[in-house]
Amino acid sequence: MPIQPTTQELSFLIQKSSLGEKYSLAKLISLLERSNNFFTRKEIFYILKNLPCKNKLTVGFTGTPGAGKSSLISELCKEFLYKTVNEKVAIVAIDPSSSISGGSILGDRTRFTIPPREERIYFRSQPSQLEMGGLNPYTYHVIRVLRYFFEYVFIETVGIGQNEIEVSKIVDYSVLILQPFAGDNIQFIKSGIMEVPDCFVINKCDEKELASSSYHMLLNSLEFLKDTLNQTQIPKIYQTSVLKKIGIQELLDHIIQQKPKKDKKLEAISQLERWVKNEYGKWGLHLLQDLLNKKKFENYETSEEEFLNIINSLLQKKN
């Protein structure tokens, strides 16, 4: 069993991370990702509360495999380096895990052609660990840490299909990346994921006519959904091409103009519900809702350990 790091050791890692040392940050994140490491996780966030949070925006990118998510995010990061001064961005890329071996290639970084040893960009891969929703079980905790050290945090989901809506619950702004002719009007409408994104991107628009046809098809679908969902306006749609460098600048300009969510409590509770459902099913969710209604969680961000203690005590009484 790994030795728990002391408060002094954690403070040292956090201090070095705040100075831009990537090795210390990687070690800090690895400690967060250890299963059931409640004490260390709680101590890390207790120390971080004494630091100012740098984050301006957390952005989630999702979409089906082959839509070009990694390549597009790579180009956005290059444009980010030109457009900003002294600001930094962190990328968290979720890679699918094998249902047979349980392993992951973590190969998304091979598609990122960012300058080597670039101090203003940090990249972190995570295996999905067969979790539904396109995220790793500890993605939310990693994002919370990165917000203290980076002005912008980008999350790239696995890219499996129509169930990847979890990322929209933990970010300030969500982007759905499609490729031309990803579906007809009916396909667009019936995929529930179309109701979630704040912005749509049709990527790989190398051929103008094909891109234009897909754009109008998507636009018609969103116009139809607008009335169904009682929306005042439809989300922005951008056409991009990494190959021809089309639309990258416009998309980045739009993203960095967005404002973060003021209330982070809802995203924290959403992740707590996800964790409880995985551990205890519907019974746990009902109990959690009762606890939330009774305001027994004073610190919702570190309540995993608290909730686990309550569950264990109830199980002991039951037995």
C-alpha atoms as a PDB file:
ATOM      1  CA  MET A   1       0.000   0.000   0.000  1.00  0.00           C
ATOM      2  CA  PRO A   2       1.506   3.409  -0.990  1.00  0.00           C
ATOM      3  CA  ILE A   3       2.632   5.692   1.827  1.00  0.00           C
ATOM      4  CA  GLN A   4       0.383   8.713   2.282  1.00  0.00           C
ATOM      5  CA  PRO A   5       2.249  11.971   1.546  1.00  0.00           C
ATOM      6  CA  THR A   6       2.509  14.443   4.405  1.00  0.00           C
ATOM      7  CA  THR A   7       0.931  17.906   4.372  1.00  0.00           C
ATOM      8  CA  GLN A   8       4.418  19.396   3.933  1.00  0.00           C
ATOM      9  CA  GLU A   9       5.086  17.205   0.893  1.00  0.00           C
ATOM     10  CA  LEU A  10       1.759  18.141  -0.673  1.00  0.00           C
ATOM     11  CA  SER A  11       2.383  21.846  -0.001  1.00  0.00           C
ATOM     12  CA  PHE A  12       5.765  21.535  -1.707  1.00  0.00           C
ATOM     13  CA  LEU A  13       4.225  19.916  -4.806  1.00  0.00           C
ATOM     14  CA  ILE A  14       1.534  22.594  -4.982  1.00  0.00           C
ATOM     15  CA  GLN A  15       4.097  25.372  -4.609  1.00  0.00           C
ATOM     16  CA  LYS A  16       6.247  23.941  -7.410  1.00  0.00           C
ATOM     17  CA  SER A  17       3.162  23.440  -9.602  1.00  0.00           C
ATOM     18  CA  SER A  18       2.186  27.085  -9.123  1.00  0.00           C
ATOM     19  CA  LEU A  19       5.633  28.034 -10.423  1.00  0.00           C
ATOM     20  CA  GLY A  20       5.028  26.048 -13.617  1.00  0.00           C
ATOM     21  CA  GLU A  21       6.974  22.889 -12.820  1.00  0.00           C
ATOM     22  CA  LYS A  22       5.217  20.177 -14.829  1.00  0.00           C
ATOM     23  CA  TYR A  23       6.774  17.197 -13.040  1.00  0.00           C
ATOM     24  CA  SER A  24       5.386  18.315  -9.673  1.00  0.00           C
ATOM     25  CA  LEU A  25       1.969  18.937 -11.235  1.00  0.00           C
ATOM     26  CA  ALA A  26       1.971  15.473 -12.839  1.00  0.00           C
ATOM     27  CA  LYS A  27       2.837  13.925  -9.474  1.00  0.00           C
ATOM     28  CA  LEU A  28       0.086  15.894  -7.759  1.00  0.00           C
ATOM     29  CA  ILE A  29      -2.484  14.711 -10.303  1.00  0.00           C
ATOM     30  CA  SER A  30      -1.316  11.098  -9.943  1.00  0.00           C
ATOM     31  CA  LEU A  31      -1.998  11.340  -6.203  1.00  0.00           C
ATOM     32  CA  LEU A  32      -5.519  12.565  -6.973  1.00  0.00           C
ATOM     33  CA  GLU A  33      -6.168   9.659  -9.315  1.00  0.00           C
ATOM     34  CA  ARG A  34      -5.348   6.967  -6.758  1.00  0.00           C
ATOM     35  CA  SER A  35      -8.503   5.036  -6.003  1.00  0.00           C
ATOM     36  CA  ASN A  36     -10.200   5.818  -2.661  1.00  0.00           C
ATOM     37  CA  ASN A  37      -7.417   8.200  -1.629  1.00  0.00           C
ATOM     38  CA  PHE A  38      -9.842  10.411   0.313  1.00  0.00           C
ATOM     39  CA  PHE A  39      -7.409  11.815   2.884  1.00  0.00           C
ATOM     40  CA  THR A  40      -4.850  12.992   0.322  1.00  0.00           C
ATOM     41  CA  ARG A  41      -7.526  14.431  -1.956  1.00  0.00           C
ATOM     42  CA  LYS A  42      -9.122  16.337   0.902  1.00  0.00           C
ATOM     43  CA  GLU A  43      -5.733  17.668   2.053  1.00  0.00           C
ATOM     44  CA  ILE A  44      -4.799  18.830  -1.466  1.00  0.00           C
ATOM     45  CA  PHE A  45      -7.946  20.923  -1.838  1.00  0.00           C
ATOM     46  CA  TYR A  46      -7.618  22.263   1.692  1.00  0.00           C
ATOM     47  CA  ILE A  47      -4.158  23.625   0.804  1.00  0.00           C
ATOM     48  CA  LEU A  48      -5.312  24.929  -2.585  1.00  0.00           C
ATOM     49  CA  LYS A  49      -8.033  27.045  -0.974  1.00  0.00           C
ATOM     50  CA  ASN A  50      -5.299  29.384   0.236  1.00  0.00           C
ATOM     51  CA  LEU A  51      -4.277  30.092  -3.366  1.00  0.00           C
ATOM     52  CA  PRO A  52      -6.060  32.351  -5.868  1.00  0.00           C
ATOM     53  CA  CYS A  53      -7.828  30.453  -8.646  1.00  0.00           C
ATOM     54  CA  LYS A  54      -6.422  31.493 -12.048  1.00  0.00           C
ATOM     55  CA  ASN A  55      -9.036  29.867 -14.224  1.00  0.00           C
ATOM     56  CA  LYS A  56     -11.040  32.020 -16.626  1.00  0.00           C
ATOM     57  CA  LEU A  57     -12.821  29.229 -18.494  1.00  0.00           C
ATOM     58  CA  THR A  58     -13.141  25.436 -18.617  1.00  0.00           C
ATOM     59  CA  VAL A  59     -14.151  24.095 -22.038  1.00  0.00           C
ATOM     60  CA  GLY A  60     -15.305  20.595 -22.948  1.00  0.00           C
ATOM     61  CA  PHE A  61     -14.891  19.165 -26.446  1.00  0.00           C
ATOM     62  CA  THR A  62     -16.886  16.093 -27.417  1.00  0.00           C
ATOM     63  CA  GLY A  63     -17.868  14.310 -30.625  1.00  0.00           C
ATOM     64  CA  THR A  64     -17.734  10.991 -32.416  1.00  0.00           C
ATOM     65  CA  PRO A  65     -14.458   9.231 -33.325  1.00  0.00           C
ATOM     66  CA  GLY A  66     -12.901  10.584 -36.501  1.00  0.00           C
ATOM     67  CA  ALA A  67     -14.343  14.086 -36.108  1.00  0.00           C
ATOM     68  CA  GLY A  68     -10.822  15.451 -35.604  1.00  0.00           C
ATOM     69  CA  LYS A  69     -11.129  16.583 -31.978  1.00  0.00           C
ATOM     70  CA  SER A  70      -7.444  16.195 -31.090  1.00  0.00           C
ATOM     71  CA  SER A  71      -6.175  17.885 -34.245  1.00  0.00           C
ATOM     72  CA  LEU A  72      -8.613  20.777 -33.861  1.00  0.00           C
ATOM     73  CA  ILE A  73      -7.735  21.343 -30.188  1.00  0.00           C
ATOM     74  CA  SER A  74      -4.061  21.273 -31.173  1.00  0.00           C
ATOM     75  CA  GLU A  75      -4.637  24.070 -33.699  1.00  0.00           C
ATOM     76  CA  LEU A  76      -6.657  26.048 -31.151  1.00  0.00           C
ATOM     77  CA  CYS A  77      -3.730  25.797 -28.722  1.00  0.00           C
ATOM     78  CA  LYS A  78      -1.289  27.087 -31.339  1.00  0.00           C
ATOM     79  CA  GLU A  79      -3.580  30.015 -32.042  1.00  0.00           C
ATOM     80  CA  PHE A  80      -3.909  30.528 -28.286  1.00  0.00           C
ATOM     81  CA  LEU A  81      -0.132  30.978 -27.988  1.00  0.00           C
ATOM     82  CA  TYR A  82      -0.204  33.724 -30.629  1.00  0.00           C
ATOM     83  CA  LYS A  83      -3.278  35.496 -29.289  1.00  0.00           C
ATOM     84  CA  THR A  84      -2.512  35.601 -25.573  1.00  0.00           C
ATOM     85  CA  VAL A  85       0.387  36.819 -23.475  1.00  0.00           C
ATOM     86  CA  ASN A  86       1.522  34.967 -20.332  1.00  0.00           C
ATOM     87  CA  GLU A  87      -1.710  32.971 -20.161  1.00  0.00           C
ATOM     88  CA  LYS A  88      -1.605  29.169 -19.981  1.00  0.00           C
ATOM     89  CA  VAL A  89      -3.859  26.328 -21.075  1.00  0.00           C
ATOM     90  CA  ALA A  90      -4.118  22.747 -19.800  1.00  0.00           C
ATOM     91  CA  ILE A  91      -5.516  19.893 -21.909  1.00  0.00           C
ATOM     92  CA  VAL A  92      -7.028  16.762 -20.374  1.00  0.00           C
ATOM     93  CA  ALA A  93      -7.563  14.040 -22.993  1.00  0.00           C
ATOM     94  CA  ILE A  94      -9.613  10.951 -22.118  1.00  0.00           C
ATOM     95  CA  ASP A  95      -8.591   7.787 -23.969  1.00  0.00           C
ATOM     96  CA  PRO A  96     -10.862   4.710 -24.238  1.00  0.00           C
ATOM     97  CA  SER A  97      -9.912   1.675 -22.152  1.00  0.00           C
ATOM     98  CA  SER A  98     -10.081  -1.860 -23.506  1.00  0.00           C
ATOM     99  CA  SER A  99     -12.989  -3.939 -22.193  1.00  0.00           C
ATOM    100  CA  ILE A 100     -10.715  -7.002 -22.501  1.00  0.00           C
ATOM    101  CA  SER A 101      -7.353  -5.940 -21.088  1.00  0.00           C
ATOM    102  CA  GLY A 102      -8.462  -2.797 -19.252  1.00  0.00           C
ATOM    103  CA  GLY A 103      -5.503  -0.909 -20.715  1.00  0.00           C
ATOM    104  CA  SER A 104      -5.377   2.302 -22.762  1.00  0.00           C
ATOM    105  CA  ILE A 105      -2.987   3.489 -25.448  1.00  0.00           C
ATOM    106  CA  LEU A 106      -3.187   7.129 -24.291  1.00  0.00           C
ATOM    107  CA  GLY A 107      -2.280   8.083 -27.839  1.00  0.00           C
ATOM    108  CA  ASP A 108      -4.096  11.408 -28.123  1.00  0.00           C
ATOM    109  CA  ARG A 109      -0.905  13.325 -27.414  1.00  0.00           C
ATOM    110  CA  THR A 110       0.588  11.986 -30.675  1.00  0.00           C
ATOM    111  CA  ARG A 111      -1.985  14.092 -32.573  1.00  0.00           C
ATOM    112  CA  PHE A 112      -1.074  17.250 -30.675  1.00  0.00           C
ATOM    113  CA  THR A 113       1.573  19.069 -32.669  1.00  0.00           C
ATOM    114  CA  ILE A 114       2.225  21.796 -30.114  1.00  0.00           C
ATOM    115  CA  PRO A 115       5.773  23.174 -29.817  1.00  0.00           C
ATOM    116  CA  PRO A 116       8.016  20.945 -27.676  1.00  0.00           C
ATOM    117  CA  ARG A 117       8.841  22.150 -24.152  1.00  0.00           C
ATOM    118  CA  GLU A 118       6.186  24.848 -24.407  1.00  0.00           C
ATOM    119  CA  GLU A 119       5.791  26.122 -20.845  1.00  0.00           C
ATOM    120  CA  ARG A 120       2.347  27.655 -21.436  1.00  0.00           C
ATOM    121  CA  ILE A 121       0.685  24.368 -22.424  1.00  0.00           C
ATOM    122  CA  TYR A 122       0.228  21.329 -20.186  1.00  0.00           C
ATOM    123  CA  PHE A 123      -1.088  17.996 -21.472  1.00  0.00           C
ATOM    124  CA  ARG A 124      -2.512  15.165 -19.378  1.00  0.00           C
ATOM    125  CA  SER A 125      -3.921  11.850 -20.640  1.00  0.00           C
ATOM    126  CA  GLN A 126      -6.418   9.774 -18.694  1.00  0.00           C
ATOM    127  CA  PRO A 127      -7.842   6.303 -19.393  1.00  0.00           C
ATOM    128  CA  SER A 128     -11.632   6.175 -19.363  1.00  0.00           C
ATOM    129  CA  GLN A 129     -11.562   3.059 -17.128  1.00  0.00           C
ATOM    130  CA  LEU A 130     -14.676   1.880 -18.996  1.00  0.00           C
ATOM    131  CA  GLU A 131     -16.755   4.708 -17.497  1.00  0.00           C
ATOM    132  CA  MET A 132     -19.829   5.821 -19.437  1.00  0.00           C
ATOM    133  CA  GLY A 133     -20.137   9.469 -20.427  1.00  0.00           C
ATOM    134  CA  GLY A 134     -16.701   9.885 -22.007  1.00  0.00           C
ATOM    135  CA  LEU A 135     -14.859  10.859 -18.794  1.00  0.00           C
ATOM    136  CA  ASN A 136     -12.501   9.283 -16.277  1.00  0.00           C
ATOM    137  CA  PRO A 137     -13.837   8.791 -12.701  1.00  0.00           C
ATOM    138  CA  TYR A 138     -11.320  11.393 -11.481  1.00  0.00           C
ATOM    139  CA  THR A 139     -11.517  13.904 -14.324  1.00  0.00           C
ATOM    140  CA  TYR A 140     -13.487  16.362 -12.226  1.00  0.00           C
ATOM    141  CA  HIS A 141     -10.904  16.360  -9.428  1.00  0.00           C
ATOM    142  CA  VAL A 142      -8.105  16.909 -11.935  1.00  0.00           C
ATOM    143  CA  ILE A 143      -9.972  19.841 -13.472  1.00  0.00           C
ATOM    144  CA  ARG A 144     -10.457  21.410 -10.042  1.00  0.00           C
ATOM    145  CA  VAL A 145      -6.689  21.304  -9.459  1.00  0.00           C
ATOM    146  CA  LEU A 146      -5.769  22.610 -12.903  1.00  0.00           C
ATOM    147  CA  ARG A 147      -8.057  25.614 -12.429  1.00  0.00           C
ATOM    148  CA  TYR A 148      -5.656  26.934  -9.798  1.00  0.00           C
ATOM    149  CA  PHE A 149      -2.694  26.939 -12.193  1.00  0.00           C
ATOM    150  CA  PHE A 150      -4.134  27.624 -15.674  1.00  0.00           C
ATOM    151  CA  GLU A 151      -6.316  30.356 -17.116  1.00  0.00           C
ATOM    152  CA  TYR A 152      -7.939  27.881 -19.525  1.00  0.00           C
ATOM    153  CA  VAL A 153      -8.625  24.150 -19.207  1.00  0.00           C
ATOM    154  CA  PHE A 154      -9.684  22.080 -22.246  1.00  0.00           C
ATOM    155  CA  ILE A 155     -11.187  18.587 -21.844  1.00  0.00           C
ATOM    156  CA  GLU A 156     -11.407  16.159 -24.753  1.00  0.00           C
ATOM    157  CA  THR A 157     -13.798  13.256 -24.173  1.00  0.00           C
ATOM    158  CA  VAL A 158     -13.413   9.699 -25.407  1.00  0.00           C
ATOM    159  CA  GLY A 159     -15.542  10.077 -28.518  1.00  0.00           C
ATOM    160  CA  ILE A 160     -17.790   7.037 -28.422  1.00  0.00           C
ATOM    161  CA  GLY A 161     -21.288   8.182 -29.288  1.00  0.00           C
ATOM    162  CA  GLN A 162     -24.524   9.744 -28.092  1.00  0.00           C
ATOM    163  CA  ASN A 163     -24.038   9.234 -24.332  1.00  0.00           C
ATOM    164  CA  GLU A 164     -21.201  11.720 -23.939  1.00  0.00           C
ATOM    165  CA  ILE A 165     -23.049  14.456 -22.124  1.00  0.00           C
ATOM    166  CA  GLU A 166     -21.269  14.225 -18.757  1.00  0.00           C
ATOM    167  CA  VAL A 167     -18.629  16.753 -19.812  1.00  0.00           C
ATOM    168  CA  SER A 168     -21.262  19.490 -20.099  1.00  0.00           C
ATOM    169  CA  LYS A 169     -21.930  19.139 -16.358  1.00  0.00           C
ATOM    170  CA  ILE A 170     -18.371  19.958 -15.262  1.00  0.00           C
ATOM    171  CA  VAL A 171     -17.352  22.699 -17.699  1.00  0.00           C
ATOM    172  CA  ASP A 172     -18.293  26.328 -18.288  1.00  0.00           C
ATOM    173  CA  TYR A 173     -18.730  25.872 -22.023  1.00  0.00           C
ATOM    174  CA  SER A 174     -19.207  22.737 -24.144  1.00  0.00           C
ATOM    175  CA  VAL A 175     -18.401  22.238 -27.840  1.00  0.00           C
ATOM    176  CA  LEU A 176     -19.675  19.407 -30.034  1.00  0.00           C
ATOM    177  CA  ILE A 177     -17.385  18.596 -32.970  1.00  0.00           C
ATOM    178  CA  LEU A 178     -18.927  16.944 -36.035  1.00  0.00           C
ATOM    179  CA  GLN A 179     -17.647  16.078 -39.469  1.00  0.00           C
ATOM    180  CA  PRO A 180     -19.439  16.793 -42.754  1.00  0.00           C
ATOM    181  CA  PHE A 181     -22.384  14.485 -43.407  1.00  0.00           C
ATOM    182  CA  ALA A 182     -22.350  13.133 -39.858  1.00  0.00           C
ATOM    183  CA  GLY A 183     -26.092  12.518 -40.317  1.00  0.00           C
ATOM    184  CA  ASP A 184     -29.247  13.796 -41.955  1.00  0.00           C
ATOM    185  CA  ASN A 185     -31.842  16.037 -40.292  1.00  0.00           C
ATOM    186  CA  ILE A 186     -33.557  13.110 -38.564  1.00  0.00           C
ATOM    187  CA  GLN A 187     -30.255  11.741 -37.268  1.00  0.00           C
ATOM    188  CA  PHE A 188     -29.317  15.148 -35.878  1.00  0.00           C
ATOM    189  CA  ILE A 189     -32.667  15.556 -34.143  1.00  0.00           C
ATOM    190  CA  LYS A 190     -32.897  12.094 -32.591  1.00  0.00           C
ATOM    191  CA  SER A 191     -29.408  12.136 -31.073  1.00  0.00           C
ATOM    192  CA  GLY A 192     -29.993  13.489 -27.562  1.00  0.00           C
ATOM    193  CA  ILE A 193     -26.506  14.973 -27.456  1.00  0.00           C
ATOM    194  CA  MET A 194     -27.661  17.742 -29.819  1.00  0.00           C
ATOM    195  CA  GLU A 195     -29.535  19.376 -26.932  1.00  0.00           C
ATOM    196  CA  VAL A 196     -26.442  19.720 -24.729  1.00  0.00           C
ATOM    197  CA  PRO A 197     -23.639  21.732 -26.446  1.00  0.00           C
ATOM    198  CA  ASP A 198     -23.245  25.493 -26.188  1.00  0.00           C
ATOM    199  CA  CYS A 199     -21.525  25.558 -29.584  1.00  0.00           C
ATOM    200  CA  PHE A 200     -21.292  23.330 -32.666  1.00  0.00           C
ATOM    201  CA  VAL A 201     -18.271  22.846 -34.913  1.00  0.00           C
ATOM    202  CA  ILE A 202     -18.344  21.143 -38.303  1.00  0.00           C
ATOM    203  CA  ASN A 203     -14.709  20.135 -38.700  1.00  0.00           C
ATOM    204  CA  LYS A 204     -12.839  18.836 -41.763  1.00  0.00           C
ATOM    205  CA  CYS A 205     -14.524  21.421 -43.986  1.00  0.00           C
ATOM    206  CA  ASP A 206     -11.907  20.999 -46.700  1.00  0.00           C
ATOM    207  CA  GLU A 207     -14.523  20.869 -49.467  1.00  0.00           C
ATOM    208  CA  LYS A 208     -16.660  24.019 -49.493  1.00  0.00           C
ATOM    209  CA  GLU A 209     -19.817  22.533 -51.036  1.00  0.00           C
ATOM    210  CA  LEU A 210     -19.923  19.522 -48.695  1.00  0.00           C
ATOM    211  CA  ALA A 211     -19.304  21.762 -45.695  1.00  0.00           C
ATOM    212  CA  SER A 212     -22.051  24.172 -46.746  1.00  0.00           C
ATOM    213  CA  SER A 213     -24.557  21.349 -47.201  1.00  0.00           C
ATOM    214  CA  SER A 214     -23.795  19.942 -43.730  1.00  0.00           C
ATOM    215  CA  TYR A 215     -23.974  23.404 -42.202  1.00  0.00           C
ATOM    216  CA  HIS A 216     -27.503  24.060 -43.499  1.00  0.00           C
ATOM    217  CA  MET A 217     -28.628  20.571 -42.533  1.00  0.00           C
ATOM    218  CA  LEU A 218     -27.458  21.137 -38.960  1.00  0.00           C
ATOM    219  CA  LEU A 219     -28.904  24.650 -38.911  1.00  0.00           C
ATOM    220  CA  ASN A 220     -32.346  23.350 -39.925  1.00  0.00           C
ATOM    221  CA  SER A 221     -32.201  20.696 -37.207  1.00  0.00           C
ATOM    222  CA  LEU A 222     -31.306  23.244 -34.538  1.00  0.00           C
ATOM    223  CA  GLU A 223     -34.074  25.575 -35.702  1.00  0.00           C
ATOM    224  CA  PHE A 224     -36.531  22.715 -35.263  1.00  0.00           C
ATOM    225  CA  LEU A 225     -35.184  21.888 -31.780  1.00  0.00           C
ATOM    226  CA  LYS A 226     -35.261  25.537 -30.696  1.00  0.00           C
ATOM    227  CA  ASP A 227     -39.052  25.569 -30.472  1.00  0.00           C
ATOM    228  CA  THR A 228     -39.160  22.110 -28.904  1.00  0.00           C
ATOM    229  CA  LEU A 229     -36.701  23.078 -26.143  1.00  0.00           C
ATOM    230  CA  ASN A 230     -38.086  26.601 -25.670  1.00  0.00           C
ATOM    231  CA  GLN A 231     -34.764  28.213 -26.582  1.00  0.00           C
ATOM    232  CA  THR A 232     -34.563  31.886 -27.476  1.00  0.00           C
ATOM    233  CA  GLN A 233     -31.763  31.356 -29.976  1.00  0.00           C
ATOM    234  CA  ILE A 234     -29.795  28.499 -31.480  1.00  0.00           C
ATOM    235  CA  PRO A 235     -26.145  27.842 -30.564  1.00  0.00           C
ATOM    236  CA  LYS A 236     -23.314  29.146 -32.741  1.00  0.00           C
ATOM    237  CA  ILE A 237     -22.111  26.912 -35.582  1.00  0.00           C
ATOM    238  CA  TYR A 238     -18.526  27.142 -36.844  1.00  0.00           C
ATOM    239  CA  GLN A 239     -16.937  25.514 -39.863  1.00  0.00           C
ATOM    240  CA  THR A 240     -13.277  24.594 -39.436  1.00  0.00           C
ATOM    241  CA  SER A 241     -10.485  22.874 -41.340  1.00  0.00           C
ATOM    242  CA  VAL A 242      -7.176  21.978 -39.743  1.00  0.00           C
ATOM    243  CA  LEU A 243      -5.771  21.155 -43.170  1.00  0.00           C
ATOM    244  CA  LYS A 244      -6.637  24.544 -44.695  1.00  0.00           C
ATOM    245  CA  LYS A 245      -6.494  26.534 -41.426  1.00  0.00           C
ATOM    246  CA  ILE A 246     -10.106  27.666 -41.814  1.00  0.00           C
ATOM    247  CA  GLY A 247     -12.206  28.945 -38.915  1.00  0.00           C
ATOM    248  CA  ILE A 248      -9.629  28.244 -36.175  1.00  0.00           C
ATOM    249  CA  GLN A 249      -9.111  31.877 -35.239  1.00  0.00           C
ATOM    250  CA  GLU A 250     -12.847  32.648 -35.252  1.00  0.00           C
ATOM    251  CA  LEU A 251     -13.626  29.649 -33.037  1.00  0.00           C
ATOM    252  CA  LEU A 252     -10.930  30.549 -30.494  1.00  0.00           C
ATOM    253  CA  ASP A 253     -12.096  34.184 -30.408  1.00  0.00           C
ATOM    254  CA  HIS A 254     -15.603  32.969 -29.638  1.00  0.00           C
ATOM    255  CA  ILE A 255     -14.432  30.595 -26.896  1.00  0.00           C
ATOM    256  CA  ILE A 256     -12.255  33.058 -24.991  1.00  0.00           C
ATOM    257  CA  GLN A 257     -15.107  35.588 -24.967  1.00  0.00           C
ATOM    258  CA  GLN A 258     -17.271  33.252 -22.891  1.00  0.00           C
ATOM    259  CA  LYS A 259     -17.817  33.754 -19.169  1.00  0.00           C
ATOM    260  CA  PRO A 260     -17.402  31.033 -16.519  1.00  0.00           C
ATOM    261  CA  LYS A 261     -20.307  29.701 -14.509  1.00  0.00           C
ATOM    262  CA  LYS A 262     -20.669  31.604 -11.266  1.00  0.00           C
ATOM    263  CA  ASP A 263     -22.044  28.729  -9.206  1.00  0.00           C
ATOM    264  CA  LYS A 264     -19.740  25.688  -9.072  1.00  0.00           C
ATOM    265  CA  LYS A 265     -21.931  23.905  -6.543  1.00  0.00           C
ATOM    266  CA  LEU A 266     -24.144  22.241  -9.157  1.00  0.00           C
ATOM    267  CA  GLU A 267     -21.206  20.668 -10.987  1.00  0.00           C
ATOM    268  CA  ALA A 268     -19.783  19.367  -7.695  1.00  0.00           C
ATOM    269  CA  ILE A 269     -23.106  17.825  -6.682  1.00  0.00           C
ATOM    270  CA  SER A 270     -23.463  16.319 -10.166  1.00  0.00           C
ATOM    271  CA  GLN A 271     -20.137  14.534  -9.778  1.00  0.00           C
ATOM    272  CA  LEU A 272     -21.005  13.422  -6.273  1.00  0.00           C
ATOM    273  CA  GLU A 273     -24.244  11.907  -7.583  1.00  0.00           C
ATOM    274  CA  ARG A 274     -22.301  10.121 -10.320  1.00  0.00           C
ATOM    275  CA  TRP A 275     -19.878   8.657  -7.791  1.00  0.00           C
ATOM    276  CA  VAL A 276     -22.677   7.579  -5.427  1.00  0.00           C
ATOM    277  CA  LYS A 277     -24.629   5.937  -8.250  1.00  0.00           C
ATOM    278  CA  ASN A 278     -21.570   3.917  -9.301  1.00  0.00           C
ATOM    279  CA  GLU A 279     -20.874   2.819  -5.720  1.00  0.00           C
ATOM    280  CA  TYR A 280     -24.369   2.309  -4.271  1.00  0.00           C
ATOM    281  CA  GLY A 281     -26.904   2.473  -7.117  1.00  0.00           C
ATOM    282  CA  LYS A 282     -30.391   3.988  -6.776  1.00  0.00           C
ATOM    283  CA  TRP A 283     -30.509   3.333  -3.031  1.00  0.00           C
ATOM    284  CA  GLY A 284     -27.440   5.517  -2.568  1.00  0.00           C
ATOM    285  CA  LEU A 285     -28.911   8.271  -4.747  1.00  0.00           C
ATOM    286  CA  HIS A 286     -32.096   8.382  -2.666  1.00  0.00           C
ATOM    287  CA  LEU A 287     -30.067   8.606   0.532  1.00  0.00           C
ATOM    288  CA  LEU A 288     -27.833  11.303  -0.942  1.00  0.00           C
ATOM    289  CA  GLN A 289     -30.863  13.363  -1.954  1.00  0.00           C
ATOM    290  CA  ASP A 290     -32.227  13.150   1.578  1.00  0.00           C
ATOM    291  CA  LEU A 291     -28.879  14.297   2.963  1.00  0.00           C
ATOM    292  CA  LEU A 292     -28.692  17.200   0.512  1.00  0.00           C
ATOM    293  CA  ASN A 293     -32.245  18.259   1.343  1.00  0.00           C
ATOM    294  CA  LYS A 294     -31.390  18.241   5.047  1.00  0.00           C
ATOM    295  CA  LYS A 295     -28.261  20.345   4.316  1.00  0.00           C
ATOM    296  CA  LYS A 296     -25.931  17.879   5.974  1.00  0.00           C
ATOM    297  CA  PHE A 297     -23.165  18.703   3.486  1.00  0.00           C
ATOM    298  CA  GLU A 298     -21.498  21.923   4.573  1.00  0.00           C
ATOM    299  CA  ASN A 299     -18.568  21.372   2.201  1.00  0.00           C
ATOM    300  CA  TYR A 300     -19.979  19.708  -0.891  1.00  0.00           C
ATOM    301  CA  GLU A 301     -16.610  19.625  -2.682  1.00  0.00           C
ATOM    302  CA  THR A 302     -15.033  17.209  -0.188  1.00  0.00           C
ATOM    303  CA  SER A 303     -18.118  15.243   0.774  1.00  0.00           C
ATOM    304  CA  GLU A 304     -17.131  11.901  -0.805  1.00  0.00           C
ATOM    305  CA  GLU A 305     -15.349  10.888   2.372  1.00  0.00           C
ATOM    306  CA  GLU A 306     -18.179  12.241   4.527  1.00  0.00           C
ATOM    307  CA  PHE A 307     -20.790  10.365   2.526  1.00  0.00           C
ATOM    308  CA  LEU A 308     -18.742   7.138   2.635  1.00  0.00           C
ATOM    309  CA  ASN A 309     -18.547   7.380   6.434  1.00  0.00           C
ATOM    310  CA  ILE A 310     -22.332   7.854   6.654  1.00  0.00           C
ATOM    311  CA  ILE A 311     -22.952   4.866   4.372  1.00  0.00           C
ATOM    312  CA  ASN A 312     -20.599   2.667   6.384  1.00  0.00           C
ATOM    313  CA  SER A 313     -22.232   3.626   9.665  1.00  0.00           C
ATOM    314  CA  LEU A 314     -25.698   2.867   8.232  1.00  0.00           C
ATOM    315  CA  LEU A 315     -24.507  -0.498   6.936  1.00  0.00           C
ATOM    316  CA  GLN A 316     -23.085  -1.346  10.368  1.00  0.00           C
ATOM    317  CA  LYS A 317     -26.389  -0.494  12.025  1.00  0.00           C
ATOM    318  CA  LYS A 318     -28.263  -2.516   9.443  1.00  0.00           C
ATOM    319  CA  ASN A 319     -26.072  -5.554  10.067  1.00  0.00           C
END
